[in-house]
Amino acid sequence: IRSVNYKVPEDNGINRIFWNLDERGVKKISRKPNKSKKEPAGVKVLPGTYKLVLNYKDFKDSTEVKVLYDPRLSVSDDDLRQKYELQKRIEGKYDLAYRAVERLKESKATASEIKKRASAIDKEKYSDLIKQTDSINKVLDHLLDDMLGKEDKRQGITATKNPTTLSYLNNAKSYASALMQAPGKTEEQLVENAFDKVDKVIADINAFYADAWAKYQKSVEAQNLSPFKSYEELK
C-alpha cells in the first residue's frame, strides 16, 4: 500500500517502524516547488489483514498485520466502505488538480527559459517572441490563480474572503475524513460542487494547451529555440 513513513532510533540501536494505517497519498498542491522526499499520507485503510514486507539490503521478509476499527465506536463495515470510497474519489480529483498545477508550473519554467534564451541571443531579433512569451506567462498565472486563488504576498497571519477552487476541494476532503457514518446527500452535494469547480478549471487548462500553448510552441520551434515536450489531455 505504501512504504514506511519514518523510523525512530532506539537507545539499543534497534529501529521501530511506524505505519499510520493509511495508504500512499497525493503530494500537497502548492505554487512553490515541492522538495519533500517524504511519501505523502493518504486515506486510512479499511479493517482487514495486510501484508507487511520488509526489505533491507539483500534481505527480505514479510508478515501479516490485522487492522481493526476502534471498538468504542459504532460504525458498520458498510458505512466505513462508503466513506472510504468517497475519500478515494476526492483523492482522485485532488491528484488531477495536482498534476494540472505541476504542468502549469513546468510550463512557466519553460516559458521563462525561452525568454531568457531569446533575450541573451538577440532582444531585438526576438522581440515579438519575447512579447508572446510574456502573454503566455500571464495566461499561465491566470490559470494557476483559477485553481489556487491569487497569490497572497502579505506577511503574518492573514485570511482571505474568497474561497478558491482548491479550498472547495480541501473542504470536501476534510469533511469526508471526519464522517462517522455513511455519506449522505449533504456530503455528496459538497463533493459534487467541488468537483464541478475543479473540472471547469481543468477544461480551461486543456483548452489552453490545445490552442494557445500549441501555437506558442510552433512559434518557438520556428526560431530553433524549442525546449518543448508533448502533453496529453488531463483526465
C-alpha atoms as a PDB file:
ATOM      1  CA  ILE A   1       0.000   0.000   0.000  1.00  0.00           C
ATOM      2  CA  ARG A   2       2.786   2.389   0.874  1.00  0.00           C
ATOM      3  CA  SER A   3       6.374   2.479   2.071  1.00  0.00           C
ATOM      4  CA  VAL A   4       7.499   3.158   5.614  1.00  0.00           C
ATOM      5  CA  ASN A   5       6.555   6.587   6.993  1.00  0.00           C
ATOM      6  CA  TYR A   6       9.545   7.095   9.233  1.00  0.00           C
ATOM      7  CA  LYS A   7      11.862   5.405  11.723  1.00  0.00           C
ATOM      8  CA  VAL A   8      12.693   6.311  15.316  1.00  0.00           C
ATOM      9  CA  PRO A   9      16.126   5.132  16.557  1.00  0.00           C
ATOM     10  CA  GLU A  10      16.110   3.336  19.906  1.00  0.00           C
ATOM     11  CA  ASP A  11      18.891   3.518  22.502  1.00  0.00           C
ATOM     12  CA  ASN A  12      19.755  -0.116  21.859  1.00  0.00           C
ATOM     13  CA  GLY A  13      20.294   0.565  18.170  1.00  0.00           C
ATOM     14  CA  ILE A  14      17.037  -1.100  17.088  1.00  0.00           C
ATOM     15  CA  ASN A  15      14.710   0.884  14.826  1.00  0.00           C
ATOM     16  CA  ARG A  16      10.961   0.794  15.338  1.00  0.00           C
ATOM     17  CA  ILE A  17       8.825   1.080  12.197  1.00  0.00           C
ATOM     18  CA  PHE A  18       5.590   3.037  12.323  1.00  0.00           C
ATOM     19  CA  TRP A  19       2.586   2.842  10.000  1.00  0.00           C
ATOM     20  CA  ASN A  20      -0.277   5.276  10.471  1.00  0.00           C
ATOM     21  CA  LEU A  21      -2.744   2.793   8.946  1.00  0.00           C
ATOM     22  CA  ASP A  22      -3.009   4.861   5.773  1.00  0.00           C
ATOM     23  CA  GLU A  23      -2.409   4.381   2.074  1.00  0.00           C
ATOM     24  CA  ARG A  24       0.013   6.222  -0.171  1.00  0.00           C
ATOM     25  CA  GLY A  25      -1.473   9.645  -0.881  1.00  0.00           C
ATOM     26  CA  VAL A  26      -1.035  12.592  -3.243  1.00  0.00           C
ATOM     27  CA  LYS A  27       1.532  15.350  -2.761  1.00  0.00           C
ATOM     28  CA  LYS A  28       0.279  18.695  -1.487  1.00  0.00           C
ATOM     29  CA  ILE A  29      -0.746  21.165  -4.175  1.00  0.00           C
ATOM     30  CA  SER A  30       1.363  24.296  -3.983  1.00  0.00           C
ATOM     31  CA  ARG A  31       2.543  27.199  -6.086  1.00  0.00           C
ATOM     32  CA  LYS A  32       6.039  26.610  -4.738  1.00  0.00           C
ATOM     33  CA  PRO A  33       8.305  23.670  -5.682  1.00  0.00           C
ATOM     34  CA  ASN A  34       7.730  20.561  -3.563  1.00  0.00           C
ATOM     35  CA  LYS A  35      11.159  19.479  -2.333  1.00  0.00           C
ATOM     36  CA  SER A  36       9.959  16.958   0.243  1.00  0.00           C
ATOM     37  CA  LYS A  37      11.046  13.359  -0.369  1.00  0.00           C
ATOM     38  CA  LYS A  38       8.638  12.026   2.245  1.00  0.00           C
ATOM     39  CA  GLU A  39       5.850   9.882   0.855  1.00  0.00           C
ATOM     40  CA  PRO A  40       2.505  11.679   1.349  1.00  0.00           C
ATOM     41  CA  ALA A  41      -0.123  10.136   3.583  1.00  0.00           C
ATOM     42  CA  GLY A  42      -3.414   9.066   2.026  1.00  0.00           C
ATOM     43  CA  VAL A  43      -6.766   7.597   3.046  1.00  0.00           C
ATOM     44  CA  LYS A  44      -6.971   5.421   6.172  1.00  0.00           C
ATOM     45  CA  VAL A  45      -7.221   1.730   5.276  1.00  0.00           C
ATOM     46  CA  LEU A  46     -10.325  -0.334   5.915  1.00  0.00           C
ATOM     47  CA  PRO A  47     -10.296  -3.048   8.603  1.00  0.00           C
ATOM     48  CA  GLY A  48      -8.696  -6.199   7.283  1.00  0.00           C
ATOM     49  CA  THR A  49      -5.472  -8.180   7.045  1.00  0.00           C
ATOM     50  CA  TYR A  50      -2.495  -6.554   5.316  1.00  0.00           C
ATOM     51  CA  LYS A  51       0.863  -7.933   4.275  1.00  0.00           C
ATOM     52  CA  LEU A  52       3.935  -6.173   5.637  1.00  0.00           C
ATOM     53  CA  VAL A  53       7.065  -6.590   3.522  1.00  0.00           C
ATOM     54  CA  LEU A  54      10.453  -5.510   4.886  1.00  0.00           C
ATOM     55  CA  ASN A  55      13.452  -5.030   2.597  1.00  0.00           C
ATOM     56  CA  TYR A  56      16.947  -4.363   3.916  1.00  0.00           C
ATOM     57  CA  LYS A  57      19.868  -4.609   1.532  1.00  0.00           C
ATOM     58  CA  ASP A  58      19.737  -8.215   0.244  1.00  0.00           C
ATOM     59  CA  PHE A  59      17.303  -9.356   2.934  1.00  0.00           C
ATOM     60  CA  LYS A  60      13.546  -9.565   2.562  1.00  0.00           C
ATOM     61  CA  ASP A  61      10.886 -10.832   4.938  1.00  0.00           C
ATOM     62  CA  SER A  62       7.141 -10.433   5.400  1.00  0.00           C
ATOM     63  CA  THR A  63       4.371 -10.845   7.955  1.00  0.00           C
ATOM     64  CA  GLU A  64       0.702 -10.017   8.282  1.00  0.00           C
ATOM     65  CA  VAL A  65      -0.876  -7.137  10.173  1.00  0.00           C
ATOM     66  CA  LYS A  66      -4.517  -7.241  11.209  1.00  0.00           C
ATOM     67  CA  VAL A  67      -6.234  -3.841  11.280  1.00  0.00           C
ATOM     68  CA  LEU A  68      -9.350  -3.449  13.448  1.00  0.00           C
ATOM     69  CA  TYR A  69     -11.671  -0.471  13.794  1.00  0.00           C
ATOM     70  CA  ASP A  70     -11.981   1.288  17.158  1.00  0.00           C
ATOM     71  CA  PRO A  71     -14.402  -0.974  19.119  1.00  0.00           C
ATOM     72  CA  ARG A  72     -15.644   2.009  21.143  1.00  0.00           C
ATOM     73  CA  LEU A  73     -17.266   3.491  18.035  1.00  0.00           C
ATOM     74  CA  SER A  74     -20.414   2.076  16.478  1.00  0.00           C
ATOM     75  CA  VAL A  75     -19.795   2.243  12.738  1.00  0.00           C
ATOM     76  CA  SER A  76     -20.743  -0.564  10.367  1.00  0.00           C
ATOM     77  CA  ASP A  77     -18.385  -2.062   7.801  1.00  0.00           C
ATOM     78  CA  ASP A  78     -20.705  -0.799   5.053  1.00  0.00           C
ATOM     79  CA  ASP A  79     -20.538   2.767   6.394  1.00  0.00           C
ATOM     80  CA  LEU A  80     -16.752   2.565   6.526  1.00  0.00           C
ATOM     81  CA  ARG A  81     -16.650   1.239   2.974  1.00  0.00           C
ATOM     82  CA  GLN A  82     -18.825   4.081   1.670  1.00  0.00           C
ATOM     83  CA  LYS A  83     -16.727   6.663   3.488  1.00  0.00           C
ATOM     84  CA  TYR A  84     -13.543   5.103   2.087  1.00  0.00           C
ATOM     85  CA  GLU A  85     -14.901   5.120  -1.475  1.00  0.00           C
ATOM     86  CA  LEU A  86     -15.902   8.782  -1.176  1.00  0.00           C
ATOM     87  CA  GLN A  87     -12.447   9.675   0.109  1.00  0.00           C
ATOM     88  CA  LYS A  88     -10.818   7.820  -2.796  1.00  0.00           C
ATOM     89  CA  ARG A  89     -12.991   9.737  -5.259  1.00  0.00           C
ATOM     90  CA  ILE A  90     -11.888  13.005  -3.706  1.00  0.00           C
ATOM     91  CA  GLU A  91      -8.267  11.875  -3.690  1.00  0.00           C
ATOM     92  CA  GLY A  92      -8.519  11.055  -7.402  1.00  0.00           C
ATOM     93  CA  LYS A  93      -9.785  14.576  -8.149  1.00  0.00           C
ATOM     94  CA  TYR A  94      -7.089  16.058  -5.928  1.00  0.00           C
ATOM     95  CA  ASP A  95      -4.490  14.111  -7.915  1.00  0.00           C
ATOM     96  CA  LEU A  96      -5.904  15.560 -11.141  1.00  0.00           C
ATOM     97  CA  ALA A  97      -5.650  19.091  -9.715  1.00  0.00           C
ATOM     98  CA  TYR A  98      -2.104  18.370  -8.506  1.00  0.00           C
ATOM     99  CA  ARG A  99      -0.971  17.185 -11.943  1.00  0.00           C
ATOM    100  CA  ALA A 100      -2.578  20.225 -13.563  1.00  0.00           C
ATOM    101  CA  VAL A 101      -0.790  22.658 -11.244  1.00  0.00           C
ATOM    102  CA  GLU A 102       2.542  20.872 -11.727  1.00  0.00           C
ATOM    103  CA  ARG A 103       2.110  21.112 -15.505  1.00  0.00           C
ATOM    104  CA  LEU A 104       1.387  24.848 -15.313  1.00  0.00           C
ATOM    105  CA  LYS A 105       4.438  25.391 -13.118  1.00  0.00           C
ATOM    106  CA  GLU A 106       6.582  23.392 -15.532  1.00  0.00           C
ATOM    107  CA  SER A 107       5.284  25.440 -18.462  1.00  0.00           C
ATOM    108  CA  LYS A 108       6.055  28.684 -16.644  1.00  0.00           C
ATOM    109  CA  ALA A 109       9.626  27.475 -16.167  1.00  0.00           C
ATOM    110  CA  THR A 110       9.802  26.551 -19.856  1.00  0.00           C
ATOM    111  CA  ALA A 111       8.491  29.960 -20.968  1.00  0.00           C
ATOM    112  CA  SER A 112      10.889  31.759 -18.629  1.00  0.00           C
ATOM    113  CA  GLU A 113      13.811  29.783 -20.046  1.00  0.00           C
ATOM    114  CA  ILE A 114      12.732  30.637 -23.608  1.00  0.00           C
ATOM    115  CA  LYS A 115      12.554  34.349 -22.786  1.00  0.00           C
ATOM    116  CA  LYS A 116      15.936  34.208 -21.071  1.00  0.00           C
ATOM    117  CA  ARG A 117      17.489  32.399 -24.024  1.00  0.00           C
ATOM    118  CA  ALA A 118      15.956  34.713 -26.629  1.00  0.00           C
ATOM    119  CA  SER A 119      16.936  37.837 -24.678  1.00  0.00           C
ATOM    120  CA  ALA A 120      20.515  36.623 -24.293  1.00  0.00           C
ATOM    121  CA  ILE A 121      20.885  35.887 -28.008  1.00  0.00           C
ATOM    122  CA  ASP A 122      19.223  38.978 -29.505  1.00  0.00           C
ATOM    123  CA  LYS A 123      16.463  41.006 -27.821  1.00  0.00           C
ATOM    124  CA  GLU A 124      15.701  42.974 -30.960  1.00  0.00           C
ATOM    125  CA  LYS A 125      15.522  39.961 -33.239  1.00  0.00           C
ATOM    126  CA  TYR A 126      13.261  38.010 -30.862  1.00  0.00           C
ATOM    127  CA  SER A 127      11.192  40.932 -29.591  1.00  0.00           C
ATOM    128  CA  ASP A 128       7.912  39.501 -30.909  1.00  0.00           C
ATOM    129  CA  LEU A 129       8.624  36.117 -29.368  1.00  0.00           C
ATOM    130  CA  ILE A 130       9.515  37.740 -26.052  1.00  0.00           C
ATOM    131  CA  LYS A 131       6.203  39.633 -26.064  1.00  0.00           C
ATOM    132  CA  GLN A 132       4.367  36.415 -26.926  1.00  0.00           C
ATOM    133  CA  THR A 133       6.148  34.683 -24.035  1.00  0.00           C
ATOM    134  CA  ASP A 134       5.051  37.434 -21.641  1.00  0.00           C
ATOM    135  CA  SER A 135       1.444  36.965 -22.802  1.00  0.00           C
ATOM    136  CA  ILE A 136       1.680  33.184 -22.337  1.00  0.00           C
ATOM    137  CA  ASN A 137       3.054  33.663 -18.823  1.00  0.00           C
ATOM    138  CA  LYS A 138       0.089  35.881 -17.946  1.00  0.00           C
ATOM    139  CA  VAL A 139      -2.326  33.163 -19.075  1.00  0.00           C
ATOM    140  CA  LEU A 140      -0.405  30.557 -17.066  1.00  0.00           C
ATOM    141  CA  ASP A 141      -0.597  32.788 -13.987  1.00  0.00           C
ATOM    142  CA  HIS A 142      -4.312  33.273 -14.564  1.00  0.00           C
ATOM    143  CA  LEU A 143      -4.898  29.506 -14.756  1.00  0.00           C
ATOM    144  CA  LEU A 144      -2.882  28.970 -11.576  1.00  0.00           C
ATOM    145  CA  ASP A 145      -5.000  31.654  -9.886  1.00  0.00           C
ATOM    146  CA  ASP A 146      -8.152  29.899 -11.072  1.00  0.00           C
ATOM    147  CA  MET A 147      -7.076  26.758  -9.250  1.00  0.00           C
ATOM    148  CA  LEU A 148      -5.187  28.164  -6.255  1.00  0.00           C
ATOM    149  CA  GLY A 149      -6.520  31.686  -5.880  1.00  0.00           C
ATOM    150  CA  LYS A 150      -4.455  34.828  -6.353  1.00  0.00           C
ATOM    151  CA  GLU A 151      -1.034  34.710  -4.729  1.00  0.00           C
ATOM    152  CA  ASP A 152      -1.098  36.419  -1.330  1.00  0.00           C
ATOM    153  CA  LYS A 153       2.186  38.162  -0.561  1.00  0.00           C
ATOM    154  CA  ARG A 154       1.077  39.642   2.763  1.00  0.00           C
ATOM    155  CA  GLN A 155       3.152  38.919   5.856  1.00  0.00           C
ATOM    156  CA  GLY A 156       1.985  37.393   9.140  1.00  0.00           C
ATOM    157  CA  ILE A 157      -1.393  35.823   9.937  1.00  0.00           C
ATOM    158  CA  THR A 158      -3.794  36.607   7.107  1.00  0.00           C
ATOM    159  CA  ALA A 159      -7.176  35.446   5.876  1.00  0.00           C
ATOM    160  CA  THR A 160      -8.924  35.580   2.522  1.00  0.00           C
ATOM    161  CA  LYS A 161     -12.584  36.372   1.985  1.00  0.00           C
ATOM    162  CA  ASN A 162     -12.907  34.496  -1.283  1.00  0.00           C
ATOM    163  CA  PRO A 163     -12.785  30.674  -1.373  1.00  0.00           C
ATOM    164  CA  THR A 164     -10.677  29.141  -4.125  1.00  0.00           C
ATOM    165  CA  THR A 165     -11.253  26.119  -6.323  1.00  0.00           C
ATOM    166  CA  LEU A 166      -8.700  24.225  -4.239  1.00  0.00           C
ATOM    167  CA  SER A 167     -10.303  25.309  -0.954  1.00  0.00           C
ATOM    168  CA  TYR A 168     -13.635  23.807  -2.074  1.00  0.00           C
ATOM    169  CA  LEU A 169     -11.833  20.536  -2.748  1.00  0.00           C
ATOM    170  CA  ASN A 170      -9.935  20.677   0.549  1.00  0.00           C
ATOM    171  CA  ASN A 171     -13.183  21.320   2.432  1.00  0.00           C
ATOM    172  CA  ALA A 172     -14.794  18.276   0.814  1.00  0.00           C
ATOM    173  CA  LYS A 173     -11.693  16.231   1.677  1.00  0.00           C
ATOM    174  CA  SER A 174     -11.735  17.376   5.312  1.00  0.00           C
ATOM    175  CA  TYR A 175     -15.478  16.841   5.665  1.00  0.00           C
ATOM    176  CA  ALA A 176     -15.298  13.303   4.254  1.00  0.00           C
ATOM    177  CA  SER A 177     -12.416  12.288   6.527  1.00  0.00           C
ATOM    178  CA  ALA A 178     -14.383  13.397   9.617  1.00  0.00           C
ATOM    179  CA  LEU A 179     -17.502  11.351   8.773  1.00  0.00           C
ATOM    180  CA  MET A 180     -18.674   8.880  11.387  1.00  0.00           C
ATOM    181  CA  GLN A 181     -21.407   7.409   9.210  1.00  0.00           C
ATOM    182  CA  ALA A 182     -22.106   6.688   5.550  1.00  0.00           C
ATOM    183  CA  PRO A 183     -22.009   9.781   3.300  1.00  0.00           C
ATOM    184  CA  GLY A 184     -25.445  11.344   2.715  1.00  0.00           C
ATOM    185  CA  LYS A 185     -26.930  13.868   0.291  1.00  0.00           C
ATOM    186  CA  THR A 186     -25.182  16.783   2.002  1.00  0.00           C
ATOM    187  CA  GLU A 187     -21.741  15.219   1.586  1.00  0.00           C
ATOM    188  CA  GLU A 188     -22.433  14.173  -1.996  1.00  0.00           C
ATOM    189  CA  GLN A 189     -23.545  17.715  -2.857  1.00  0.00           C
ATOM    190  CA  LEU A 190     -20.445  19.183  -1.238  1.00  0.00           C
ATOM    191  CA  VAL A 191     -18.225  16.869  -3.261  1.00  0.00           C
ATOM    192  CA  GLU A 192     -20.150  17.482  -6.478  1.00  0.00           C
ATOM    193  CA  ASN A 193     -19.797  21.254  -6.098  1.00  0.00           C
ATOM    194  CA  ALA A 194     -16.049  20.936  -5.523  1.00  0.00           C
ATOM    195  CA  PHE A 195     -15.631  18.579  -8.487  1.00  0.00           C
ATOM    196  CA  ASP A 196     -17.570  20.935 -10.769  1.00  0.00           C
ATOM    197  CA  LYS A 197     -15.244  23.799  -9.891  1.00  0.00           C
ATOM    198  CA  VAL A 198     -12.117  21.714 -10.465  1.00  0.00           C
ATOM    199  CA  ASP A 199     -13.426  20.296 -13.745  1.00  0.00           C
ATOM    200  CA  LYS A 200     -14.133  23.798 -15.080  1.00  0.00           C
ATOM    201  CA  VAL A 201     -10.536  24.867 -14.467  1.00  0.00           C
ATOM    202  CA  ILE A 202      -9.219  21.600 -15.918  1.00  0.00           C
ATOM    203  CA  ALA A 203     -11.295  22.206 -19.069  1.00  0.00           C
ATOM    204  CA  ASP A 204      -9.773  25.690 -19.400  1.00  0.00           C
ATOM    205  CA  ILE A 205      -6.266  24.273 -18.918  1.00  0.00           C
ATOM    206  CA  ASN A 206      -6.801  21.580 -21.541  1.00  0.00           C
ATOM    207  CA  ALA A 207      -8.176  24.184 -23.969  1.00  0.00           C
ATOM    208  CA  PHE A 208      -5.132  26.383 -23.356  1.00  0.00           C
ATOM    209  CA  TYR A 209      -2.678  23.588 -24.162  1.00  0.00           C
ATOM    210  CA  ALA A 210      -4.652  22.518 -27.224  1.00  0.00           C
ATOM    211  CA  ASP A 211      -4.730  26.042 -28.686  1.00  0.00           C
ATOM    212  CA  ALA A 212      -2.611  28.911 -27.279  1.00  0.00           C
ATOM    213  CA  TRP A 213       0.247  26.753 -25.989  1.00  0.00           C
ATOM    214  CA  ALA A 214       0.372  24.723 -29.221  1.00  0.00           C
ATOM    215  CA  LYS A 215       0.627  27.940 -31.269  1.00  0.00           C
ATOM    216  CA  TYR A 216       3.292  29.296 -28.957  1.00  0.00           C
ATOM    217  CA  GLN A 217       5.254  26.075 -29.285  1.00  0.00           C
ATOM    218  CA  LYS A 218       5.210  26.368 -33.089  1.00  0.00           C
ATOM    219  CA  SER A 219       6.440  29.959 -32.841  1.00  0.00           C
ATOM    220  CA  VAL A 220       9.363  28.917 -30.673  1.00  0.00           C
ATOM    221  CA  GLU A 221      10.203  25.902 -32.816  1.00  0.00           C
ATOM    222  CA  ALA A 222      10.250  28.141 -35.891  1.00  0.00           C
ATOM    223  CA  GLN A 223      13.047  30.106 -34.189  1.00  0.00           C
ATOM    224  CA  ASN A 224      15.006  26.948 -33.317  1.00  0.00           C
ATOM    225  CA  LEU A 225      14.670  27.698 -29.600  1.00  0.00           C
ATOM    226  CA  SER A 226      12.382  24.847 -28.655  1.00  0.00           C
ATOM    227  CA  PRO A 227      12.705  23.063 -25.265  1.00  0.00           C
ATOM    228  CA  PHE A 228       9.171  21.646 -25.513  1.00  0.00           C
ATOM    229  CA  LYS A 229       7.738  18.254 -24.538  1.00  0.00           C
ATOM    230  CA  SER A 230       4.388  16.809 -25.600  1.00  0.00           C
ATOM    231  CA  TYR A 231       1.361  16.960 -23.261  1.00  0.00           C
ATOM    232  CA  GLU A 232      -1.624  14.647 -23.199  1.00  0.00           C
ATOM    233  CA  GLU A 233      -5.083  15.779 -22.133  1.00  0.00           C
ATOM    234  CA  LEU A 234      -5.574  15.744 -18.380  1.00  0.00           C
ATOM    235  CA  LYS A 235      -8.057  13.090 -17.225  1.00  0.00           C
END
